[in-house]
Amino acid sequence: MRQTARGTVKFSAANAEGQYLLGVHPGNYTLTAKFRGYQSGTAVSVEVANGENRTVALQVSGITEPIAGSTGL
């Protein structure tokens, strides 16, 4: 996550269901999902107001690296 106005960068890991949690101050943010072996997701702009909780769905797509043990068949 990158905060647009301040250039702040924060990271969060997702759980097995793909859920993540970030604690941020009110402001405008750009969120991007990344996962090894996949193409980065499209950046999503989010505005967070004071005291607000937001749910933002992020996606990654297309495997870019071979999976270990895969024969490609």
PDB file of N, CA and C in Angstrom:
ATOM      1  N   MET A   1       0.838  -1.151   0.000  1.00  0.00           N
ATOM      2  CA  MET A   1       0.000   0.000   0.000  1.00  0.00           C
ATOM      3  C   MET A   1       0.893   1.227   0.000  1.00  0.00           C
ATOM      4  N   ARG A   2       0.526   2.199  -0.778  1.00  0.00           N
ATOM      5  CA  ARG A   2       1.271   3.451  -0.819  1.00  0.00           C
ATOM      6  C   ARG A   2       0.303   4.586  -0.535  1.00  0.00           C
ATOM      7  N   GLN A   3       0.675   5.445   0.419  1.00  0.00           N
ATOM      8  CA  GLN A   3      -0.153   6.609   0.680  1.00  0.00           C
ATOM      9  C   GLN A   3       0.217   7.688  -0.319  1.00  0.00           C
ATOM     10  N   THR A   4      -0.746   8.110  -1.110  1.00  0.00           N
ATOM     11  CA  THR A   4      -0.508   9.009  -2.227  1.00  0.00           C
ATOM     12  C   THR A   4       0.153  10.311  -1.812  1.00  0.00           C
ATOM     13  N   ALA A   5      -0.360  10.980  -0.814  1.00  0.00           N
ATOM     14  CA  ALA A   5       0.130  12.307  -0.454  1.00  0.00           C
ATOM     15  C   ALA A   5       1.498  12.285   0.209  1.00  0.00           C
ATOM     16  N   ARG A   6       1.791  11.259   0.981  1.00  0.00           N
ATOM     17  CA  ARG A   6       3.014  11.243   1.781  1.00  0.00           C
ATOM     18  C   ARG A   6       4.082  10.291   1.281  1.00  0.00           C
ATOM     19  N   GLY A   7       3.772   9.442   0.330  1.00  0.00           N
ATOM     20  CA  GLY A   7       4.748   8.482  -0.161  1.00  0.00           C
ATOM     21  C   GLY A   7       5.017   7.351   0.817  1.00  0.00           C
ATOM     22  N   THR A   8       4.147   7.166   1.804  1.00  0.00           N
ATOM     23  CA  THR A   8       4.297   6.112   2.801  1.00  0.00           C
ATOM     24  C   THR A   8       4.002   4.750   2.172  1.00  0.00           C
ATOM     25  N   VAL A   9       4.805   3.756   2.504  1.00  0.00           N
ATOM     26  CA  VAL A   9       4.573   2.397   2.001  1.00  0.00           C
ATOM     27  C   VAL A   9       4.423   1.467   3.195  1.00  0.00           C
ATOM     28  N   LYS A  10       3.338   0.654   3.200  1.00  0.00           N
ATOM     29  CA  LYS A  10       3.107  -0.356   4.232  1.00  0.00           C
ATOM     30  C   LYS A  10       2.834  -1.679   3.547  1.00  0.00           C
ATOM     31  N   PHE A  11       3.136  -2.754   4.248  1.00  0.00           N
ATOM     32  CA  PHE A  11       2.899  -4.086   3.717  1.00  0.00           C
ATOM     33  C   PHE A  11       2.051  -4.878   4.699  1.00  0.00           C
ATOM     34  N   SER A  12       1.269  -5.804   4.178  1.00  0.00           N
ATOM     35  CA  SER A  12       0.481  -6.710   4.997  1.00  0.00           C
ATOM     36  C   SER A  12       0.412  -8.051   4.280  1.00  0.00           C
ATOM     37  N   ALA A  13       0.505  -9.114   5.039  1.00  0.00           N
ATOM     38  CA  ALA A  13       0.375 -10.451   4.464  1.00  0.00           C
ATOM     39  C   ALA A  13      -1.067 -10.922   4.599  1.00  0.00           C
ATOM     40  N   ALA A  14      -1.539 -11.650   3.615  1.00  0.00           N
ATOM     41  CA  ALA A  14      -2.898 -12.197   3.643  1.00  0.00           C
ATOM     42  C   ALA A  14      -2.883 -13.568   4.311  1.00  0.00           C
ATOM     43  N   ASN A  15      -4.023 -13.943   4.889  1.00  0.00           N
ATOM     44  CA  ASN A  15      -4.144 -15.284   5.467  1.00  0.00           C
ATOM     45  C   ASN A  15      -4.510 -16.276   4.361  1.00  0.00           C
ATOM     46  N   ALA A  16      -4.798 -17.517   4.730  1.00  0.00           N
ATOM     47  CA  ALA A  16      -5.088 -18.568   3.750  1.00  0.00           C
ATOM     48  C   ALA A  16      -6.326 -18.260   2.903  1.00  0.00           C
ATOM     49  N   GLU A  17      -7.235 -17.452   3.427  1.00  0.00           N
ATOM     50  CA  GLU A  17      -8.441 -17.076   2.680  1.00  0.00           C
ATOM     51  C   GLU A  17      -8.235 -15.799   1.864  1.00  0.00           C
ATOM     52  N   GLY A  18      -7.028 -15.231   1.927  1.00  0.00           N
ATOM     53  CA  GLY A  18      -6.740 -14.020   1.172  1.00  0.00           C
ATOM     54  C   GLY A  18      -7.150 -12.737   1.879  1.00  0.00           C
ATOM     55  N   GLN A  19      -7.532 -12.824   3.157  1.00  0.00           N
ATOM     56  CA  GLN A  19      -7.920 -11.637   3.909  1.00  0.00           C
ATOM     57  C   GLN A  19      -6.692 -10.968   4.497  1.00  0.00           C
ATOM     58  N   TYR A  20      -6.733  -9.657   4.555  1.00  0.00           N
ATOM     59  CA  TYR A  20      -5.617  -8.894   5.103  1.00  0.00           C
ATOM     60  C   TYR A  20      -6.174  -7.731   5.915  1.00  0.00           C
ATOM     61  N   LEU A  21      -5.340  -7.146   6.768  1.00  0.00           N
ATOM     62  CA  LEU A  21      -5.758  -6.036   7.603  1.00  0.00           C
ATOM     63  C   LEU A  21      -4.638  -5.005   7.629  1.00  0.00           C
ATOM     64  N   LEU A  22      -4.989  -3.750   7.373  1.00  0.00           N
ATOM     65  CA  LEU A  22      -4.048  -2.637   7.456  1.00  0.00           C
ATOM     66  C   LEU A  22      -4.653  -1.566   8.339  1.00  0.00           C
ATOM     67  N   GLY A  23      -3.888  -1.064   9.275  1.00  0.00           N
ATOM     68  CA  GLY A  23      -4.333   0.065  10.087  1.00  0.00           C
ATOM     69  C   GLY A  23      -3.727   1.333   9.512  1.00  0.00           C
ATOM     70  N   VAL A  24      -4.580   2.266   9.100  1.00  0.00           N
ATOM     71  CA  VAL A  24      -4.076   3.494   8.470  1.00  0.00           C
ATOM     72  C   VAL A  24      -4.807   4.718   9.016  1.00  0.00           C
ATOM     73  N   HIS A  25      -4.195   5.860   8.878  1.00  0.00           N
ATOM     74  CA  HIS A  25      -4.805   7.140   9.212  1.00  0.00           C
ATOM     75  C   HIS A  25      -5.715   7.553   8.055  1.00  0.00           C
ATOM     76  N   PRO A  26      -6.646   8.466   8.294  1.00  0.00           N
ATOM     77  CA  PRO A  26      -7.481   8.961   7.200  1.00  0.00           C
ATOM     78  C   PRO A  26      -6.608   9.510   6.070  1.00  0.00           C
ATOM     79  N   GLY A  27      -7.036   9.302   4.836  1.00  0.00           N
ATOM     80  CA  GLY A  27      -6.274   9.798   3.690  1.00  0.00           C
ATOM     81  C   GLY A  27      -6.585   9.004   2.438  1.00  0.00           C
ATOM     82  N   ASN A  28      -5.838   9.302   1.389  1.00  0.00           N
ATOM     83  CA  ASN A  28      -5.966   8.612   0.104  1.00  0.00           C
ATOM     84  C   ASN A  28      -4.822   7.624  -0.045  1.00  0.00           C
ATOM     85  N   TYR A  29      -5.159   6.417  -0.483  1.00  0.00           N
ATOM     86  CA  TYR A  29      -4.173   5.352  -0.599  1.00  0.00           C
ATOM     87  C   TYR A  29      -4.312   4.645  -1.937  1.00  0.00           C
ATOM     88  N   THR A  30      -3.212   4.044  -2.392  1.00  0.00           N
ATOM     89  CA  THR A  30      -3.227   3.181  -3.565  1.00  0.00           C
ATOM     90  C   THR A  30      -2.827   1.792  -3.099  1.00  0.00           C
ATOM     91  N   LEU A  31      -3.689   0.805  -3.346  1.00  0.00           N
ATOM     92  CA  LEU A  31      -3.437  -0.570  -2.927  1.00  0.00           C
ATOM     93  C   LEU A  31      -3.131  -1.436  -4.143  1.00  0.00           C
ATOM     94  N   THR A  32      -2.155  -2.326  -3.988  1.00  0.00           N
ATOM     95  CA  THR A  32      -1.803  -3.273  -5.042  1.00  0.00           C
ATOM     96  C   THR A  32      -1.536  -4.629  -4.411  1.00  0.00           C
ATOM     97  N   ALA A  33      -2.074  -5.683  -4.997  1.00  0.00           N
ATOM     98  CA  ALA A  33      -1.828  -7.044  -4.523  1.00  0.00           C
ATOM     99  C   ALA A  33      -0.687  -7.648  -5.331  1.00  0.00           C
ATOM    100  N   LYS A  34       0.215  -8.349  -4.633  1.00  0.00           N
ATOM    101  CA  LYS A  34       1.316  -9.056  -5.287  1.00  0.00           C
ATOM    102  C   LYS A  34       1.447 -10.426  -4.646  1.00  0.00           C
ATOM    103  N   PHE A  35       1.764 -11.413  -5.468  1.00  0.00           N
ATOM    104  CA  PHE A  35       1.993 -12.759  -4.976  1.00  0.00           C
ATOM    105  C   PHE A  35       3.020 -13.410  -5.881  1.00  0.00           C
ATOM    106  N   ARG A  36       4.020 -14.048  -5.287  1.00  0.00           N
ATOM    107  CA  ARG A  36       5.093 -14.660  -6.068  1.00  0.00           C
ATOM    108  C   ARG A  36       4.532 -15.630  -7.098  1.00  0.00           C
ATOM    109  N   GLY A  37       4.959 -15.472  -8.332  1.00  0.00           N
ATOM    110  CA  GLY A  37       4.523 -16.366  -9.395  1.00  0.00           C
ATOM    111  C   GLY A  37       3.298 -15.866 -10.139  1.00  0.00           C
ATOM    112  N   TYR A  38       2.701 -14.766  -9.685  1.00  0.00           N
ATOM    113  CA  TYR A  38       1.517 -14.202 -10.327  1.00  0.00           C
ATOM    114  C   TYR A  38       1.797 -12.769 -10.766  1.00  0.00           C
ATOM    115  N   GLN A  39       1.027 -12.300 -11.733  1.00  0.00           N
ATOM    116  CA  GLN A  39       1.128 -10.916 -12.158  1.00  0.00           C
ATOM    117  C   GLN A  39       0.492 -10.042 -11.089  1.00  0.00           C
ATOM    118  N   SER A  40       1.092  -8.890 -10.817  1.00  0.00           N
ATOM    119  CA  SER A  40       0.530  -7.958  -9.835  1.00  0.00           C
ATOM    120  C   SER A  40      -0.864  -7.536 -10.264  1.00  0.00           C
ATOM    121  N   GLY A  41      -1.709  -7.324  -9.275  1.00  0.00           N
ATOM    122  CA  GLY A  41      -3.055  -6.862  -9.562  1.00  0.00           C
ATOM    123  C   GLY A  41      -3.064  -5.398  -9.966  1.00  0.00           C
ATOM    124  N   THR A  42      -4.172  -4.950 -10.511  1.00  0.00           N
ATOM    125  CA  THR A  42      -4.359  -3.555 -10.876  1.00  0.00           C
ATOM    126  C   THR A  42      -4.434  -2.721  -9.605  1.00  0.00           C
ATOM    127  N   ALA A  43      -3.757  -1.580  -9.591  1.00  0.00           N
ATOM    128  CA  ALA A  43      -3.782  -0.690  -8.434  1.00  0.00           C
ATOM    129  C   ALA A  43      -5.190  -0.148  -8.214  1.00  0.00           C
ATOM    130  N   VAL A  44      -5.584  -0.065  -6.943  1.00  0.00           N
ATOM    131  CA  VAL A  44      -6.904   0.426  -6.565  1.00  0.00           C
ATOM    132  C   VAL A  44      -6.712   1.647  -5.677  1.00  0.00           C
ATOM    133  N   SER A  45      -7.356   2.764  -6.020  1.00  0.00           N
ATOM    134  CA  SER A  45      -7.303   3.963  -5.192  1.00  0.00           C
ATOM    135  C   SER A  45      -8.424   3.909  -4.166  1.00  0.00           C
ATOM    136  N   VAL A  46      -8.086   4.226  -2.910  1.00  0.00           N
ATOM    137  CA  VAL A  46      -9.044   4.166  -1.817  1.00  0.00           C
ATOM    138  C   VAL A  46      -8.908   5.415  -0.956  1.00  0.00           C
ATOM    139  N   GLU A  47     -10.034   6.007  -0.594  1.00  0.00           N
ATOM    140  CA  GLU A  47     -10.037   7.110   0.363  1.00  0.00           C
ATOM    141  C   GLU A  47     -10.615   6.591   1.667  1.00  0.00           C
ATOM    142  N   VAL A  48      -9.911   6.834   2.775  1.00  0.00           N
ATOM    143  CA  VAL A  48     -10.344   6.370   4.093  1.00  0.00           C
ATOM    144  C   VAL A  48     -10.648   7.596   4.952  1.00  0.00           C
ATOM    145  N   ALA A  49     -11.878   7.652   5.488  1.00  0.00           N
ATOM    146  CA  ALA A  49     -12.284   8.744   6.367  1.00  0.00           C
ATOM    147  C   ALA A  49     -11.985   8.374   7.819  1.00  0.00           C
ATOM    148  N   ASN A  50     -11.984   9.357   8.700  1.00  0.00           N
ATOM    149  CA  ASN A  50     -11.738   9.142  10.120  1.00  0.00           C
ATOM    150  C   ASN A  50     -12.755   8.157  10.703  1.00  0.00           C
ATOM    151  N   GLY A  51     -12.278   7.099  11.357  1.00  0.00           N
ATOM    152  CA  GLY A  51     -13.135   6.105  11.990  1.00  0.00           C
ATOM    153  C   GLY A  51     -13.787   5.115  11.047  1.00  0.00           C
ATOM    154  N   GLU A  52     -13.442   5.160   9.783  1.00  0.00           N
ATOM    155  CA  GLU A  52     -14.070   4.301   8.785  1.00  0.00           C
ATOM    156  C   GLU A  52     -13.330   2.978   8.630  1.00  0.00           C
ATOM    157  N   ASN A  53     -14.083   1.904   8.457  1.00  0.00           N
ATOM    158  CA  ASN A  53     -13.533   0.604   8.083  1.00  0.00           C
ATOM    159  C   ASN A  53     -13.898   0.362   6.632  1.00  0.00           C
ATOM    160  N   ARG A  54     -12.942  -0.073   5.841  1.00  0.00           N
ATOM    161  CA  ARG A  54     -13.191  -0.322   4.411  1.00  0.00           C
ATOM    162  C   ARG A  54     -12.855  -1.754   4.077  1.00  0.00           C
ATOM    163  N   THR A  55     -13.612  -2.338   3.151  1.00  0.00           N
ATOM    164  CA  THR A  55     -13.298  -3.633   2.573  1.00  0.00           C
ATOM    165  C   THR A  55     -12.964  -3.401   1.107  1.00  0.00           C
ATOM    166  N   VAL A  56     -11.773  -3.842   0.709  1.00  0.00           N
ATOM    167  CA  VAL A  56     -11.324  -3.649  -0.665  1.00  0.00           C
ATOM    168  C   VAL A  56     -10.880  -5.001  -1.214  1.00  0.00           C
ATOM    169  N   ALA A  57     -11.478  -5.428  -2.310  1.00  0.00           N
ATOM    170  CA  ALA A  57     -11.101  -6.681  -2.958  1.00  0.00           C
ATOM    171  C   ALA A  57      -9.961  -6.417  -3.933  1.00  0.00           C
ATOM    172  N   LEU A  58      -8.876  -7.142  -3.765  1.00  0.00           N
ATOM    173  CA  LEU A  58      -7.719  -7.031  -4.662  1.00  0.00           C
ATOM    174  C   LEU A  58      -7.521  -8.370  -5.356  1.00  0.00           C
ATOM    175  N   GLN A  59      -6.975  -8.352  -6.566  1.00  0.00           N
ATOM    176  CA  GLN A  59      -6.777  -9.587  -7.320  1.00  0.00           C
ATOM    177  C   GLN A  59      -5.386  -9.639  -7.936  1.00  0.00           C
ATOM    178  N   VAL A  60      -4.892 -10.852  -8.090  1.00  0.00           N
ATOM    179  CA  VAL A  60      -3.706 -11.128  -8.890  1.00  0.00           C
ATOM    180  C   VAL A  60      -4.149 -12.086  -9.986  1.00  0.00           C
ATOM    181  N   SER A  61      -3.408 -12.151 -11.086  1.00  0.00           N
ATOM    182  CA  SER A  61      -3.841 -13.033 -12.167  1.00  0.00           C
ATOM    183  C   SER A  61      -2.660 -13.619 -12.910  1.00  0.00           C
ATOM    184  N   GLY A  62      -2.907 -14.754 -13.538  1.00  0.00           N
ATOM    185  CA  GLY A  62      -1.952 -15.380 -14.442  1.00  0.00           C
ATOM    186  C   GLY A  62      -0.631 -15.771 -13.831  1.00  0.00           C
ATOM    187  N   ILE A  63      -0.384 -17.047 -13.778  1.00  0.00           N
ATOM    188  CA  ILE A  63       0.901 -17.540 -13.280  1.00  0.00           C
ATOM    189  C   ILE A  63       1.994 -17.140 -14.253  1.00  0.00           C
ATOM    190  N   THR A  64       3.072 -16.554 -13.728  1.00  0.00           N
ATOM    191  CA  THR A  64       4.183 -16.120 -14.576  1.00  0.00           C
ATOM    192  C   THR A  64       5.403 -17.013 -14.433  1.00  0.00           C
ATOM    193  N   GLU A  65       5.400 -17.911 -13.445  1.00  0.00           N
ATOM    194  CA  GLU A  65       6.527 -18.823 -13.237  1.00  0.00           C
ATOM    195  C   GLU A  65       5.996 -20.255 -13.202  1.00  0.00           C
ATOM    196  N   PRO A  66       6.790 -21.211 -13.635  1.00  0.00           N
ATOM    197  CA  PRO A  66       6.347 -22.610 -13.529  1.00  0.00           C
ATOM    198  C   PRO A  66       6.170 -23.016 -12.079  1.00  0.00           C
ATOM    199  N   ILE A  67       5.225 -23.890 -11.823  1.00  0.00           N
ATOM    200  CA  ILE A  67       5.004 -24.408 -10.475  1.00  0.00           C
ATOM    201  C   ILE A  67       5.851 -25.649 -10.303  1.00  0.00           C
ATOM    202  N   ALA A  68       6.570 -25.717  -9.180  1.00  0.00           N
ATOM    203  CA  ALA A  68       7.439 -26.865  -8.908  1.00  0.00           C
ATOM    204  C   ALA A  68       6.658 -28.169  -9.013  1.00  0.00           C
ATOM    205  N   GLY A  69       7.181 -29.122  -9.725  1.00  0.00           N
ATOM    206  CA  GLY A  69       6.543 -30.431  -9.863  1.00  0.00           C
ATOM    207  C   GLY A  69       5.515 -30.493 -10.985  1.00  0.00           C
ATOM    208  N   SER A  70       5.247 -29.387 -11.644  1.00  0.00           N
ATOM    209  CA  SER A  70       4.272 -29.357 -12.717  1.00  0.00           C
ATOM    210  C   SER A  70       4.923 -29.784 -14.018  1.00  0.00           C
ATOM    211  N   THR A  71       4.228 -30.616 -14.776  1.00  0.00           N
ATOM    212  CA  THR A  71       4.766 -31.066 -16.062  1.00  0.00           C
ATOM    213  C   THR A  71       4.249 -30.226 -17.207  1.00  0.00           C
ATOM    214  N   GLY A  72       3.288 -29.338 -16.926  1.00  0.00           N
ATOM    215  CA  GLY A  72       2.720 -28.503 -17.986  1.00  0.00           C
ATOM    216  C   GLY A  72       1.680 -29.224 -18.811  1.00  0.00           C
ATOM    217  N   LEU A  73       1.285 -30.432 -18.408  1.00  0.00           N
ATOM    218  CA  LEU A  73       0.261 -31.185 -19.155  1.00  0.00           C
ATOM    219  C   LEU A  73      -1.109 -30.869 -18.693  1.00  0.00           C
TER     220      LEU A  73
END
